[in-house]
Every structure is written in structure tokens, then in C-alpha cells.
Amino acid sequence: MTTKNLIKTAAPEAPADEVKTVRVTSALGSGVETITLSHHLNIEGVSYLPGTKIRVPSDYARRLHRQGYVART
């Protein structure tokens, strides 16, 4: 019996000062905010770890804040 390697190679980590911009389909004409995640979050098939800084539309940032996904800074 053969064993498959199920561990995926991790993508190289982004530098700490780099902020990823997330494209969310529900954003219509709103500004963009930078947030720091407090929990693991999956947005449109992309996983973001706690502590990741991302740019999201303002309305989406408010929803994430209400749901507890935005870290207190």
C-alpha cells in the first residue's frame, strides 16, 4: 500500500508590512479599509490566518467587525 503526501506546500509568507487587498463581490461604491483579522477567515476560496492584515470594502469591514473577525488594536 502506498502513502500519498497530503501536506500541501505553504506559499511563501508575505512581509509583515504588506497588506493584501481582498476582492469581495458585494462591494459597491464603498471605500476601502485595512483590518487585522482575529480569527481564521475564508473569503471566496482564499484562507487568511489570524493576524493577517487585509484591505476590504468599508461595508464588509463593518460586518466582519460586528461578527468578531476584526482584532482590537
PDB file of N, CA and C in Angstrom:
ATOM      1  N   MET A   1       0.835  -1.163   0.000  1.00  0.00           N
ATOM      2  CA  MET A   1       0.000   0.000   0.000  1.00  0.00           C
ATOM      3  C   MET A   1       0.893   1.244   0.000  1.00  0.00           C
ATOM      4  N   THR A   2       0.559   2.216  -0.819  1.00  0.00           N
ATOM      5  CA  THR A   2       1.364   3.436  -0.886  1.00  0.00           C
ATOM      6  C   THR A   2       0.691   4.544  -0.089  1.00  0.00           C
ATOM      7  N   THR A   3       1.507   5.433   0.390  1.00  0.00           N
ATOM      8  CA  THR A   3       1.015   6.571   1.165  1.00  0.00           C
ATOM      9  C   THR A   3       1.225   7.833   0.357  1.00  0.00           C
ATOM     10  N   LYS A   4       0.161   8.590   0.217  1.00  0.00           N
ATOM     11  CA  LYS A   4       0.264   9.856  -0.507  1.00  0.00           C
ATOM     12  C   LYS A   4       0.653  10.957   0.468  1.00  0.00           C
ATOM     13  N   ASN A   5       1.428  11.886  -0.026  1.00  0.00           N
ATOM     14  CA  ASN A   5       1.813  13.034   0.779  1.00  0.00           C
ATOM     15  C   ASN A   5       0.665  14.042   0.725  1.00  0.00           C
ATOM     16  N   LEU A   6      -0.076  14.168   1.820  1.00  0.00           N
ATOM     17  CA  LEU A   6      -1.235  15.040   1.850  1.00  0.00           C
ATOM     18  C   LEU A   6      -0.924  16.455   2.301  1.00  0.00           C
ATOM     19  N   ILE A   7       0.311  16.712   2.678  1.00  0.00           N
ATOM     20  CA  ILE A   7       0.691  18.044   3.134  1.00  0.00           C
ATOM     21  C   ILE A   7       0.978  18.921   1.915  1.00  0.00           C
ATOM     22  N   LYS A   8       0.245  20.002   1.818  1.00  0.00           N
ATOM     23  CA  LYS A   8       0.474  20.944   0.727  1.00  0.00           C
ATOM     24  C   LYS A   8       1.601  21.882   1.124  1.00  0.00           C
ATOM     25  N   THR A   9       2.403  22.251   0.155  1.00  0.00           N
ATOM     26  CA  THR A   9       3.475  23.194   0.458  1.00  0.00           C
ATOM     27  C   THR A   9       2.857  24.567   0.663  1.00  0.00           C
ATOM     28  N   ALA A  10       3.287  25.217   1.692  1.00  0.00           N
ATOM     29  CA  ALA A  10       2.751  26.539   2.016  1.00  0.00           C
ATOM     30  C   ALA A  10       3.360  27.581   1.108  1.00  0.00           C
ATOM     31  N   ALA A  11       2.533  28.524   0.737  1.00  0.00           N
ATOM     32  CA  ALA A  11       3.025  29.640  -0.071  1.00  0.00           C
ATOM     33  C   ALA A  11       3.950  30.483   0.795  1.00  0.00           C
ATOM     34  N   PRO A  12       4.923  31.115   0.198  1.00  0.00           N
ATOM     35  CA  PRO A  12       5.818  31.957   0.994  1.00  0.00           C
ATOM     36  C   PRO A  12       5.036  33.051   1.702  1.00  0.00           C
ATOM     37  N   GLU A  13       5.410  33.307   2.941  1.00  0.00           N
ATOM     38  CA  GLU A  13       4.723  34.310   3.746  1.00  0.00           C
ATOM     39  C   GLU A  13       5.011  35.714   3.208  1.00  0.00           C
ATOM     40  N   ALA A  14       3.986  36.537   3.238  1.00  0.00           N
ATOM     41  CA  ALA A  14       4.145  37.925   2.812  1.00  0.00           C
ATOM     42  C   ALA A  14       4.882  38.689   3.905  1.00  0.00           C
ATOM     43  N   PRO A  15       5.669  39.686   3.529  1.00  0.00           N
ATOM     44  CA  PRO A  15       6.336  40.506   4.544  1.00  0.00           C
ATOM     45  C   PRO A  15       5.300  41.123   5.485  1.00  0.00           C
ATOM     46  N   ALA A  16       5.697  41.378   6.721  1.00  0.00           N
ATOM     47  CA  ALA A  16       4.767  41.859   7.736  1.00  0.00           C
ATOM     48  C   ALA A  16       4.119  43.189   7.363  1.00  0.00           C
ATOM     49  N   ASP A  17       4.808  44.027   6.591  1.00  0.00           N
ATOM     50  CA  ASP A  17       4.246  45.331   6.265  1.00  0.00           C
ATOM     51  C   ASP A  17       3.378  45.307   5.005  1.00  0.00           C
ATOM     52  N   GLU A  18       3.302  44.178   4.316  1.00  0.00           N
ATOM     53  CA  GLU A  18       2.492  44.071   3.105  1.00  0.00           C
ATOM     54  C   GLU A  18       1.058  43.750   3.482  1.00  0.00           C
ATOM     55  N   VAL A  19       0.107  44.459   2.884  1.00  0.00           N
ATOM     56  CA  VAL A  19      -1.308  44.249   3.152  1.00  0.00           C
ATOM     57  C   VAL A  19      -1.964  43.796   1.866  1.00  0.00           C
ATOM     58  N   LYS A  20      -2.689  42.676   1.940  1.00  0.00           N
ATOM     59  CA  LYS A  20      -3.357  42.144   0.762  1.00  0.00           C
ATOM     60  C   LYS A  20      -4.716  42.809   0.597  1.00  0.00           C
ATOM     61  N   THR A  21      -5.082  43.109  -0.645  1.00  0.00           N
ATOM     62  CA  THR A  21      -6.395  43.656  -0.937  1.00  0.00           C
ATOM     63  C   THR A  21      -7.301  42.507  -1.340  1.00  0.00           C
ATOM     64  N   VAL A  22      -8.427  42.393  -0.654  1.00  0.00           N
ATOM     65  CA  VAL A  22      -9.369  41.318  -0.886  1.00  0.00           C
ATOM     66  C   VAL A  22     -10.496  41.833  -1.762  1.00  0.00           C
ATOM     67  N   ARG A  23     -10.821  41.089  -2.783  1.00  0.00           N
ATOM     68  CA  ARG A  23     -11.934  41.469  -3.656  1.00  0.00           C
ATOM     69  C   ARG A  23     -13.170  40.709  -3.198  1.00  0.00           C
ATOM     70  N   VAL A  24     -14.174  41.469  -2.792  1.00  0.00           N
ATOM     71  CA  VAL A  24     -15.423  40.889  -2.338  1.00  0.00           C
ATOM     72  C   VAL A  24     -16.503  41.309  -3.304  1.00  0.00           C
ATOM     73  N   THR A  25     -17.305  40.365  -3.744  1.00  0.00           N
ATOM     74  CA  THR A  25     -18.288  40.651  -4.782  1.00  0.00           C
ATOM     75  C   THR A  25     -19.419  41.560  -4.332  1.00  0.00           C
ATOM     76  N   SER A  26     -19.618  41.707  -3.018  1.00  0.00           N
ATOM     77  CA  SER A  26     -20.730  42.515  -2.531  1.00  0.00           C
ATOM     78  C   SER A  26     -20.402  44.004  -2.413  1.00  0.00           C
ATOM     79  N   ALA A  27     -19.183  44.390  -2.728  1.00  0.00           N
ATOM     80  CA  ALA A  27     -18.771  45.787  -2.562  1.00  0.00           C
ATOM     81  C   ALA A  27     -19.242  46.622  -3.749  1.00  0.00           C
ATOM     82  N   LEU A  28     -20.017  47.644  -3.444  1.00  0.00           N
ATOM     83  CA  LEU A  28     -20.483  48.536  -4.490  1.00  0.00           C
ATOM     84  C   LEU A  28     -20.233  49.979  -4.067  1.00  0.00           C
ATOM     85  N   GLY A  29     -19.249  50.611  -4.655  1.00  0.00           N
ATOM     86  CA  GLY A  29     -19.003  52.024  -4.441  1.00  0.00           C
ATOM     87  C   GLY A  29     -18.637  52.438  -3.029  1.00  0.00           C
ATOM     88  N   SER A  30     -18.021  51.565  -2.271  1.00  0.00           N
ATOM     89  CA  SER A  30     -17.629  51.949  -0.919  1.00  0.00           C
ATOM     90  C   SER A  30     -16.119  52.115  -0.844  1.00  0.00           C
ATOM     91  N   GLY A  31     -15.672  52.786   0.209  1.00  0.00           N
ATOM     92  CA  GLY A  31     -14.245  52.972   0.416  1.00  0.00           C
ATOM     93  C   GLY A  31     -13.588  51.670   0.846  1.00  0.00           C
ATOM     94  N   VAL A  32     -12.277  51.712   1.037  1.00  0.00           N
ATOM     95  CA  VAL A  32     -11.521  50.527   1.426  1.00  0.00           C
ATOM     96  C   VAL A  32     -10.872  50.769   2.783  1.00  0.00           C
ATOM     97  N   GLU A  33     -10.947  49.755   3.664  1.00  0.00           N
ATOM     98  CA  GLU A  33     -10.340  49.846   4.991  1.00  0.00           C
ATOM     99  C   GLU A  33      -9.348  48.710   5.170  1.00  0.00           C
ATOM    100  N   THR A  34      -8.318  48.956   5.971  1.00  0.00           N
ATOM    101  CA  THR A  34      -7.354  47.921   6.326  1.00  0.00           C
ATOM    102  C   THR A  34      -7.733  47.385   7.698  1.00  0.00           C
ATOM    103  N   ILE A  35      -7.888  46.063   7.795  1.00  0.00           N
ATOM    104  CA  ILE A  35      -8.247  45.437   9.062  1.00  0.00           C
ATOM    105  C   ILE A  35      -7.248  44.336   9.388  1.00  0.00           C
ATOM    106  N   THR A  36      -7.149  43.994  10.669  1.00  0.00           N
ATOM    107  CA  THR A  36      -6.334  42.874  11.127  1.00  0.00           C
ATOM    108  C   THR A  36      -7.289  41.806  11.637  1.00  0.00           C
ATOM    109  N   LEU A  37      -7.163  40.597  11.105  1.00  0.00           N
ATOM    110  CA  LEU A  37      -8.075  39.522  11.478  1.00  0.00           C
ATOM    111  C   LEU A  37      -7.738  38.943  12.845  1.00  0.00           C
ATOM    112  N   SER A  38      -8.780  38.620  13.612  1.00  0.00           N
ATOM    113  CA  SER A  38      -8.588  37.987  14.906  1.00  0.00           C
ATOM    114  C   SER A  38      -8.855  36.485  14.854  1.00  0.00           C
ATOM    115  N   HIS A  39      -9.467  36.027  13.761  1.00  0.00           N
ATOM    116  CA  HIS A  39      -9.779  34.607  13.587  1.00  0.00           C
ATOM    117  C   HIS A  39      -9.456  34.195  12.156  1.00  0.00           C
ATOM    118  N   HIS A  40      -9.354  32.889  11.933  1.00  0.00           N
ATOM    119  CA  HIS A  40      -9.168  32.358  10.586  1.00  0.00           C
ATOM    120  C   HIS A  40     -10.403  32.718   9.772  1.00  0.00           C
ATOM    121  N   LEU A  41     -10.207  33.144   8.536  1.00  0.00           N
ATOM    122  CA  LEU A  41     -11.314  33.549   7.683  1.00  0.00           C
ATOM    123  C   LEU A  41     -11.065  33.065   6.268  1.00  0.00           C
ATOM    124  N   ASN A  42     -12.104  32.571   5.621  1.00  0.00           N
ATOM    125  CA  ASN A  42     -12.038  32.120   4.237  1.00  0.00           C
ATOM    126  C   ASN A  42     -12.920  33.046   3.402  1.00  0.00           C
ATOM    127  N   ILE A  43     -12.313  33.787   2.484  1.00  0.00           N
ATOM    128  CA  ILE A  43     -13.045  34.715   1.633  1.00  0.00           C
ATOM    129  C   ILE A  43     -12.886  34.257   0.192  1.00  0.00           C
ATOM    130  N   GLU A  44     -13.990  33.852  -0.412  1.00  0.00           N
ATOM    131  CA  GLU A  44     -14.040  33.418  -1.811  1.00  0.00           C
ATOM    132  C   GLU A  44     -12.932  32.423  -2.147  1.00  0.00           C
ATOM    133  N   GLY A  45     -12.754  31.429  -1.279  1.00  0.00           N
ATOM    134  CA  GLY A  45     -11.803  30.353  -1.539  1.00  0.00           C
ATOM    135  C   GLY A  45     -10.373  30.605  -1.100  1.00  0.00           C
ATOM    136  N   VAL A  46     -10.092  31.766  -0.523  1.00  0.00           N
ATOM    137  CA  VAL A  46      -8.742  32.084  -0.052  1.00  0.00           C
ATOM    138  C   VAL A  46      -8.773  32.137   1.465  1.00  0.00           C
ATOM    139  N   SER A  47      -7.875  31.402   2.113  1.00  0.00           N
ATOM    140  CA  SER A  47      -7.815  31.359   3.570  1.00  0.00           C
ATOM    141  C   SER A  47      -6.863  32.424   4.098  1.00  0.00           C
ATOM    142  N   TYR A  48      -7.288  33.109   5.148  1.00  0.00           N
ATOM    143  CA  TYR A  48      -6.479  34.123   5.811  1.00  0.00           C
ATOM    144  C   TYR A  48      -6.349  33.730   7.277  1.00  0.00           C
ATOM    145  N   LEU A  49      -5.137  33.740   7.799  1.00  0.00           N
ATOM    146  CA  LEU A  49      -4.862  33.356   9.173  1.00  0.00           C
ATOM    147  C   LEU A  49      -5.069  34.527  10.129  1.00  0.00           C
ATOM    148  N   PRO A  50      -5.274  34.252  11.429  1.00  0.00           N
ATOM    149  CA  PRO A  50      -5.372  35.329  12.404  1.00  0.00           C
ATOM    150  C   PRO A  50      -4.109  36.191  12.388  1.00  0.00           C
ATOM    151  N   GLY A  51      -4.283  37.493  12.501  1.00  0.00           N
ATOM    152  CA  GLY A  51      -3.155  38.419  12.480  1.00  0.00           C
ATOM    153  C   GLY A  51      -2.836  38.959  11.100  1.00  0.00           C
ATOM    154  N   THR A  52      -3.481  38.412  10.079  1.00  0.00           N
ATOM    155  CA  THR A  52      -3.261  38.883   8.709  1.00  0.00           C
ATOM    156  C   THR A  52      -3.937  40.238   8.524  1.00  0.00           C
ATOM    157  N   LYS A  53      -3.225  41.162   7.899  1.00  0.00           N
ATOM    158  CA  LYS A  53      -3.805  42.464   7.575  1.00  0.00           C
ATOM    159  C   LYS A  53      -4.289  42.403   6.136  1.00  0.00           C
ATOM    160  N   ILE A  54      -5.559  42.793   5.945  1.00  0.00           N
ATOM    161  CA  ILE A  54      -6.151  42.780   4.611  1.00  0.00           C
ATOM    162  C   ILE A  54      -6.921  44.079   4.396  1.00  0.00           C
ATOM    163  N   ARG A  55      -7.078  44.445   3.122  1.00  0.00           N
ATOM    164  CA  ARG A  55      -7.891  45.604   2.749  1.00  0.00           C
ATOM    165  C   ARG A  55      -9.206  45.082   2.199  1.00  0.00           C
ATOM    166  N   VAL A  56     -10.292  45.568   2.774  1.00  0.00           N
ATOM    167  CA  VAL A  56     -11.625  45.154   2.346  1.00  0.00           C
ATOM    168  C   VAL A  56     -12.508  46.390   2.222  1.00  0.00           C
ATOM    169  N   PRO A  57     -13.600  46.285   1.474  1.00  0.00           N
ATOM    170  CA  PRO A  57     -14.541  47.409   1.393  1.00  0.00           C
ATOM    171  C   PRO A  57     -15.086  47.759   2.781  1.00  0.00           C
ATOM    172  N   SER A  58     -15.428  49.019   2.986  1.00  0.00           N
ATOM    173  CA  SER A  58     -15.876  49.513   4.289  1.00  0.00           C
ATOM    174  C   SER A  58     -17.086  48.763   4.829  1.00  0.00           C
ATOM    175  N   ASP A  59     -18.075  48.505   3.980  1.00  0.00           N
ATOM    176  CA  ASP A  59     -19.266  47.806   4.462  1.00  0.00           C
ATOM    177  C   ASP A  59     -18.937  46.373   4.893  1.00  0.00           C
ATOM    178  N   TYR A  60     -18.036  45.723   4.184  1.00  0.00           N
ATOM    179  CA  TYR A  60     -17.624  44.369   4.545  1.00  0.00           C
ATOM    180  C   TYR A  60     -16.814  44.390   5.839  1.00  0.00           C
ATOM    181  N   ALA A  61     -15.987  45.423   6.035  1.00  0.00           N
ATOM    182  CA  ALA A  61     -15.213  45.573   7.268  1.00  0.00           C
ATOM    183  C   ALA A  61     -16.145  45.740   8.463  1.00  0.00           C
ATOM    184  N   ARG A  62     -17.219  46.502   8.307  1.00  0.00           N
ATOM    185  CA  ARG A  62     -18.193  46.671   9.393  1.00  0.00           C
ATOM    186  C   ARG A  62     -18.846  45.346   9.752  1.00  0.00           C
ATOM    187  N   ARG A  63     -19.205  44.559   8.736  1.00  0.00           N
ATOM    188  CA  ARG A  63     -19.817  43.256   9.004  1.00  0.00           C
ATOM    189  C   ARG A  63     -18.844  42.332   9.722  1.00  0.00           C
ATOM    190  N   LEU A  64     -17.587  42.317   9.281  1.00  0.00           N
ATOM    191  CA  LEU A  64     -16.587  41.473   9.939  1.00  0.00           C
ATOM    192  C   LEU A  64     -16.355  41.922  11.381  1.00  0.00           C
ATOM    193  N   HIS A  65     -16.370  43.231  11.612  1.00  0.00           N
ATOM    194  CA  HIS A  65     -16.174  43.756  12.958  1.00  0.00           C
ATOM    195  C   HIS A  65     -17.317  43.309  13.881  1.00  0.00           C
ATOM    196  N   ARG A  66     -18.555  43.419  13.400  1.00  0.00           N
ATOM    197  CA  ARG A  66     -19.720  43.002  14.193  1.00  0.00           C
ATOM    198  C   ARG A  66     -19.684  41.506  14.511  1.00  0.00           C
ATOM    199  N   GLN A  67     -19.147  40.710  13.595  1.00  0.00           N
ATOM    200  CA  GLN A  67     -19.113  39.253  13.784  1.00  0.00           C
ATOM    201  C   GLN A  67     -17.900  38.798  14.579  1.00  0.00           C
ATOM    202  N   GLY A  68     -17.001  39.720  14.953  1.00  0.00           N
ATOM    203  CA  GLY A  68     -15.866  39.376  15.800  1.00  0.00           C
ATOM    204  C   GLY A  68     -14.620  38.932  15.062  1.00  0.00           C
ATOM    205  N   TYR A  69     -14.534  39.193  13.758  1.00  0.00           N
ATOM    206  CA  TYR A  69     -13.362  38.787  12.984  1.00  0.00           C
ATOM    207  C   TYR A  69     -12.247  39.814  12.960  1.00  0.00           C
ATOM    208  N   VAL A  70     -12.513  41.033  13.428  1.00  0.00           N
ATOM    209  CA  VAL A  70     -11.518  42.097  13.400  1.00  0.00           C
ATOM    210  C   VAL A  70     -10.862  42.199  14.779  1.00  0.00           C
ATOM    211  N   ALA A  71      -9.528  42.158  14.801  1.00  0.00           N
ATOM    212  CA  ALA A  71      -8.781  42.226  16.058  1.00  0.00           C
ATOM    213  C   ALA A  71      -8.854  43.632  16.632  1.00  0.00           C
ATOM    214  N   ARG A  72      -8.883  43.699  17.930  1.00  0.00           N
ATOM    215  CA  ARG A  72      -8.835  45.009  18.599  1.00  0.00           C
ATOM    216  C   ARG A  72      -7.395  45.481  18.617  1.00  0.00           C
ATOM    217  N   THR A  73      -7.179  46.709  18.192  1.00  0.00           N
ATOM    218  CA  THR A  73      -5.818  47.237  18.164  1.00  0.00           C
ATOM    219  C   THR A  73      -5.681  48.461  19.024  1.00  0.00           C
TER     220      THR A  73
END
